Protein backbone atom coordinates (compact mmCIF):
# COMPACT_ATOMS: atom_id res chain seq x y z
CA UNK A 1 0.16 0.42 0.19
CA UNK A 2 1.34 3.31 -0.67
CA UNK A 3 1.91 5.59 1.79
CA UNK A 4 2.78 8.35 -0.11
CA UNK A 5 1.31 9.58 -3.73
CA UNK A 6 2.45 12.24 -5.71
CA UNK A 7 -0.01 12.68 -9.05
CA UNK A 8 0.18 14.88 -11.78
CA UNK A 9 2.55 17.47 -9.79
CA UNK A 10 3.53 20.42 -11.74
CA UNK A 11 5.13 23.53 -10.28
CA UNK A 12 5.94 26.89 -11.57
CA UNK A 13 7.67 29.71 -10.49
CA UNK A 14 6.37 32.90 -12.69
CA UNK A 15 7.81 31.42 -15.93
CA UNK A 16 10.52 28.62 -14.83
CA UNK A 17 8.76 25.21 -15.29
CA UNK A 18 10.44 23.54 -12.04
CA UNK A 19 7.78 20.10 -12.18
CA UNK A 20 5.68 19.00 -14.51
CA UNK A 21 3.07 16.44 -14.15
CA UNK A 22 5.25 14.54 -11.72
CA UNK A 23 3.91 11.15 -10.80
CA UNK A 24 4.88 8.67 -8.69
CA UNK A 25 3.99 6.04 -5.31
CA UNK A 26 6.31 5.32 -2.47
CA UNK A 27 5.02 2.57 -0.88
CA UNK A 28 5.33 1.68 3.04
CA UNK A 29 8.81 0.58 4.08
CA UNK A 30 10.41 1.37 0.98
CA UNK A 31 13.38 3.29 0.45
CA UNK A 32 12.86 5.09 -2.71
CA UNK A 33 14.97 7.04 -4.34
CA UNK A 34 14.74 10.34 -6.51
CA UNK A 35 17.60 11.10 -8.51
CA UNK A 36 18.48 13.35 -11.74
CA UNK A 37 20.72 16.06 -12.76
CA UNK A 38 21.54 19.19 -10.89
CA UNK A 39 18.23 21.39 -11.99
CA UNK A 40 16.23 18.50 -12.53
CA UNK A 41 13.88 19.00 -9.44
CA UNK A 42 14.41 17.14 -6.71
CA UNK A 43 14.62 19.90 -4.08
CA UNK A 44 11.29 21.40 -5.51
CA UNK A 45 9.56 18.45 -5.34
CA UNK A 46 11.06 17.98 -1.55
CA UNK A 47 9.55 21.38 -0.83
CA UNK A 48 6.15 20.51 -2.22
CA UNK A 49 5.74 17.40 -0.38
CA UNK A 50 6.45 18.91 2.93
CA UNK A 51 4.34 22.27 2.29
CA UNK A 52 7.40 24.76 1.39
CA UNK A 53 6.06 25.24 -2.05
CA UNK A 54 2.66 24.97 -3.01
CA UNK A 55 2.19 23.00 -6.55
CA UNK A 56 0.51 24.93 -9.14
CA UNK A 57 -1.37 21.78 -10.36
CA UNK A 58 -1.60 18.06 -9.37
CA UNK A 59 -2.09 16.53 -5.45
CA UNK A 60 0.05 15.09 -2.80
CA UNK A 61 -1.66 12.43 -0.75
CA UNK A 62 0.05 11.12 2.35
CA UNK A 63 -1.30 8.11 4.55
CA UNK A 64 -4.80 8.29 2.41
CA UNK A 65 -5.34 12.16 3.37
CA UNK A 66 -4.91 14.88 0.69
CA UNK A 67 -2.74 17.14 2.51
CA UNK A 68 -2.06 19.86 -0.40
CA UNK A 69 -3.52 22.76 1.43
CA UNK A 70 -1.73 21.75 5.00
CA UNK A 71 1.14 23.91 6.66
CA UNK A 72 4.44 22.29 7.37
CA UNK A 73 4.38 22.05 11.32
CA UNK A 74 0.74 20.08 10.21
CA UNK A 75 2.98 17.97 7.78
CA UNK A 76 5.17 17.12 10.53
CA UNK A 77 2.50 16.68 13.05
CA UNK A 78 0.95 13.86 10.27
CA UNK A 79 4.05 11.84 10.43
CA UNK A 80 6.28 13.66 7.57
CA UNK A 81 10.59 14.38 8.76
CA UNK A 82 13.21 15.83 6.67
CA UNK A 83 16.90 16.64 6.47
CA UNK A 84 18.49 19.17 4.47
CA UNK A 85 20.59 19.47 1.44
CA UNK A 86 22.29 22.42 3.78
CA UNK A 87 22.73 21.75 7.10
CA UNK A 88 20.15 22.80 9.55
CA UNK A 89 21.81 22.20 13.13
CA UNK A 90 21.73 25.04 15.61
CA UNK A 91 25.40 25.40 16.15
CA UNK A 92 25.57 27.05 19.38
CA UNK A 93 23.93 23.90 21.53
CA UNK A 94 24.39 20.99 22.04
CA UNK A 95 23.96 17.83 19.92
CA UNK A 96 21.66 16.49 23.01
CA UNK A 97 19.46 20.15 23.32
CA UNK A 98 19.42 19.80 18.77
CA UNK A 99 18.05 16.34 19.01
CA UNK A 100 15.56 16.99 21.79
CA UNK A 101 13.80 20.36 20.86
CA UNK A 102 11.72 18.79 17.76
CA UNK A 103 10.66 16.08 20.38
CA UNK A 104 10.00 18.99 22.29
CA UNK A 105 8.31 21.25 20.29
CA UNK A 106 5.51 18.41 20.25
CA UNK A 107 4.91 17.67 23.67
CA UNK A 108 2.34 18.19 26.12
CA UNK A 109 3.43 20.80 28.07
CA UNK A 110 3.64 24.63 27.98
CA UNK A 111 4.53 27.48 30.42
CA UNK A 112 3.01 27.20 33.20
CA UNK A 113 3.91 23.48 33.62
CA UNK A 114 7.86 24.48 32.87
CA UNK A 115 7.62 27.15 35.10
CA UNK A 116 5.99 25.55 38.37
CA UNK A 117 7.87 22.56 37.17
CA UNK A 118 4.74 20.67 37.44
CA UNK A 119 4.85 16.76 36.91
CA UNK A 120 3.89 16.76 32.87
CA UNK A 121 6.79 19.20 32.39
CA UNK A 122 9.47 16.84 34.01
CA UNK A 123 7.67 13.55 32.27
CA UNK A 124 8.17 15.14 28.93
CA UNK A 125 12.00 16.49 29.60
CA UNK A 126 12.95 13.28 30.38
CA UNK A 127 10.94 11.65 27.53
CA UNK A 128 12.65 13.73 24.92
CA UNK A 129 16.17 13.22 26.26
CA UNK A 130 15.99 9.29 26.87
CA UNK A 131 14.35 9.66 22.90
CA UNK A 132 17.27 11.30 21.42
CA UNK A 133 20.01 9.52 23.38
CA UNK A 134 18.24 6.03 22.16
CA UNK A 135 18.25 7.59 18.68
CA UNK A 136 22.27 8.89 18.85
CA UNK A 137 22.90 5.11 20.06
CA UNK A 138 21.32 3.44 17.25
CA UNK A 139 23.68 5.83 14.98
CA UNK A 140 26.40 4.87 17.02
CA UNK A 141 26.63 8.58 18.00
CA UNK A 142 27.63 7.72 21.76
CA UNK A 143 29.91 10.26 23.76
CA UNK A 144 29.25 13.06 21.04
CA UNK A 145 25.80 14.31 23.64
CA UNK A 146 27.59 17.50 25.21
CA UNK A 147 29.68 18.95 22.34
CA UNK A 148 28.30 21.77 19.91
CA UNK A 149 27.15 21.09 17.09
CA UNK A 150 29.49 23.63 15.22
CA UNK A 151 32.86 21.95 17.29
CA UNK A 152 31.52 18.35 14.51
CA UNK A 153 32.76 17.86 11.73
CA UNK A 154 30.76 17.94 8.71
CA UNK A 155 30.24 14.13 8.08
CA UNK A 156 29.19 13.78 11.51
CA UNK A 157 27.03 16.90 11.57
CA UNK A 158 25.35 15.52 8.83
CA UNK A 159 24.12 11.74 10.87
CA UNK A 160 23.53 14.37 14.36
CA UNK A 161 20.78 15.50 11.65
CA UNK A 162 19.97 12.55 10.73
CA UNK A 163 19.40 11.51 14.74
CA UNK A 164 17.69 14.92 14.89
CA UNK A 165 14.86 14.00 12.13
CA UNK A 166 14.20 10.54 13.50
CA UNK A 167 13.91 11.56 16.89
CA UNK A 168 10.13 12.64 15.85
CA UNK A 169 9.64 8.99 14.98
CA UNK A 170 8.20 9.89 11.78
CA UNK A 171 6.55 7.59 8.94
CA UNK A 172 8.03 9.07 6.26
CA UNK A 173 11.49 10.56 6.14
CA UNK A 174 13.02 12.60 3.26
CA UNK A 175 16.82 12.91 2.98
CA UNK A 176 18.17 15.72 0.95
CA UNK A 177 21.64 14.69 0.06
CA UNK A 178 22.61 13.01 3.26
CA UNK A 179 25.82 11.88 2.03
CA UNK A 180 26.65 15.15 1.03
CA UNK A 181 30.40 16.24 2.39
CA UNK A 182 31.15 12.47 3.22
CA UNK A 183 33.68 10.49 2.81
CA UNK A 184 34.38 7.22 1.77
CA UNK A 185 33.83 5.57 5.07
CA UNK A 186 31.14 7.57 6.75
CA UNK A 187 29.09 7.38 3.08
CA UNK A 188 29.41 3.23 3.44
CA UNK A 189 28.50 3.54 7.10
CA UNK A 190 25.28 5.76 6.14
CA UNK A 191 24.53 3.14 3.64
CA UNK A 192 24.63 0.27 6.40
CA UNK A 193 22.50 2.76 8.64
CA UNK A 194 19.64 3.54 6.32
CA UNK A 195 18.43 0.05 6.11
CA UNK A 196 18.81 -0.39 10.49
CA UNK A 197 16.44 2.32 10.56
CA UNK A 198 13.71 1.11 8.43
CA UNK A 199 13.72 -2.38 10.63
CA UNK A 200 13.82 -0.42 13.55
CA UNK A 201 11.48 2.16 13.53
CA UNK A 202 9.25 0.64 10.01
CA UNK A 203 10.62 4.15 8.64
CA UNK A 204 9.87 4.94 4.63
CA UNK A 205 12.43 6.83 3.00
CA UNK A 206 12.41 9.04 -0.11
CA UNK A 207 16.38 9.72 -0.71
CA UNK A 208 17.77 12.23 -3.06
CA UNK A 209 21.56 12.12 -3.67
CA UNK A 210 24.10 12.23 -6.38
CA UNK A 211 26.38 9.56 -5.02
CA UNK A 212 24.32 6.83 -7.29
CA UNK A 213 26.39 3.72 -5.55
CA UNK A 214 24.74 4.76 -2.16
CA UNK A 215 21.19 5.32 -4.10
CA UNK A 216 21.60 1.74 -6.38
CA UNK A 217 23.08 0.09 -3.14
CA UNK A 218 19.37 1.14 -0.73
CA UNK A 219 16.85 1.93 -2.67
CA UNK A 220 14.31 -0.78 -3.57
CA UNK A 221 12.77 1.62 -6.32
CA UNK A 222 14.25 4.61 -8.35
CA UNK A 223 12.39 7.69 -10.19
CA UNK A 224 14.19 9.63 -12.34
CA UNK A 225 13.78 13.51 -12.96
CA UNK A 226 15.14 15.29 -15.75
CA UNK A 227 14.61 19.29 -16.21
CA UNK A 228 11.38 18.59 -14.03
CA UNK A 229 10.00 15.37 -15.76
CA UNK A 230 9.95 11.77 -14.82
CA UNK A 231 12.04 9.85 -17.54
CA UNK A 232 12.55 6.70 -15.87
CA UNK A 233 10.65 4.87 -12.65
CA UNK A 234 11.71 1.51 -11.77
CA UNK A 235 14.43 -0.94 -9.73
CA UNK A 236 17.74 0.43 -9.53
CA UNK A 237 19.08 -2.77 -12.03
CA UNK A 238 16.33 -0.95 -14.89
CA UNK A 239 17.09 2.11 -14.22
CA UNK A 240 21.09 2.41 -14.66
CA UNK A 241 20.86 0.58 -17.95
CA UNK A 242 18.02 3.10 -19.21
CA UNK A 243 19.75 4.78 -21.89
CA UNK A 244 17.60 8.08 -21.19
CA UNK A 245 19.09 8.14 -17.43
CA UNK A 246 22.49 7.45 -19.12
CA UNK A 247 21.36 10.99 -21.72
CA UNK A 248 20.36 12.74 -18.97
CA UNK A 249 24.00 12.14 -16.71
CA UNK A 250 26.38 12.15 -19.48
CA UNK A 251 24.63 13.80 -22.47
CA UNK A 252 24.66 12.90 -26.03
CA UNK A 253 27.14 12.49 -28.89
CA UNK A 254 27.30 15.94 -31.36
CA UNK A 255 27.23 14.15 -34.63
C-alpha cells in the first residue's frame, strides 16, 4: 500500500517550470530514490511534499489523506520528517539539545507547567532526553551528547541531523543529499544505517543523492527526474541501464 502518492504535480515560479506532471507512489517501508542532474527539480519536489511550496497543479496524498492544503508543521505532525541539503543544525547548542528540540516542540507541556515544574514538564523533558540518547545510540553516535554542533566535523553533523529528524519517529523521512560532504567510510556507514533505521522504526524513506553507488545499494525503487519531468522509474538494475538516464547524466554525442 502506498504511503505517499504524488499525482500529476507541476510547480511553476513565474515563467519557470520547475516540475511538470510528476507522478510516483512510495510504498510503506520502502527506501525510494529520487535522482537526476542538477536543476532536475528534486529539491522543489521535496518542498512540495513538505509544504514549503504549493503545487501549481496536481495532488499529494500522505497516508491516504490529501495534504496539499496543509502547512509544513501540520504535515510534520502527520509524520513527515526531513533533512536538508544545507545543514540546519543549531550550532551553538549541544548535540543532545538539538535532538531534544523537535520532541519538545510537539510535547504536551506549556509555559505554566515549565514555570512550576509540574510533573508533566518533568516527564516530557525526560522522555525527550531518553529518545534523543536512544537515537544517538542507534546511529553509533554515543559520547557526543554534550559537544556543540558547530564543533563537529561535517560528516558527524550530517549524522546528527539525521538523528534529529528520527527523533520525531516520522512515518516518512525525506533525505536531501545525506551523503554530501561525507568521505567513503562515512558514506558506507550511512548505507548500513538506512536499512537499520527502516528495520528498527519501520520508517519509509525518500532519498535524494548524487552518490549513485549509495542510491543503487540502498534503494528498492528509483524515479529519475530531468528538467522537472519523470524520464524513468523502476528498480535500480533497470534504471542504471536506461538510455534516457545515461543521456541525462552524460549528455548525447554531437554528430
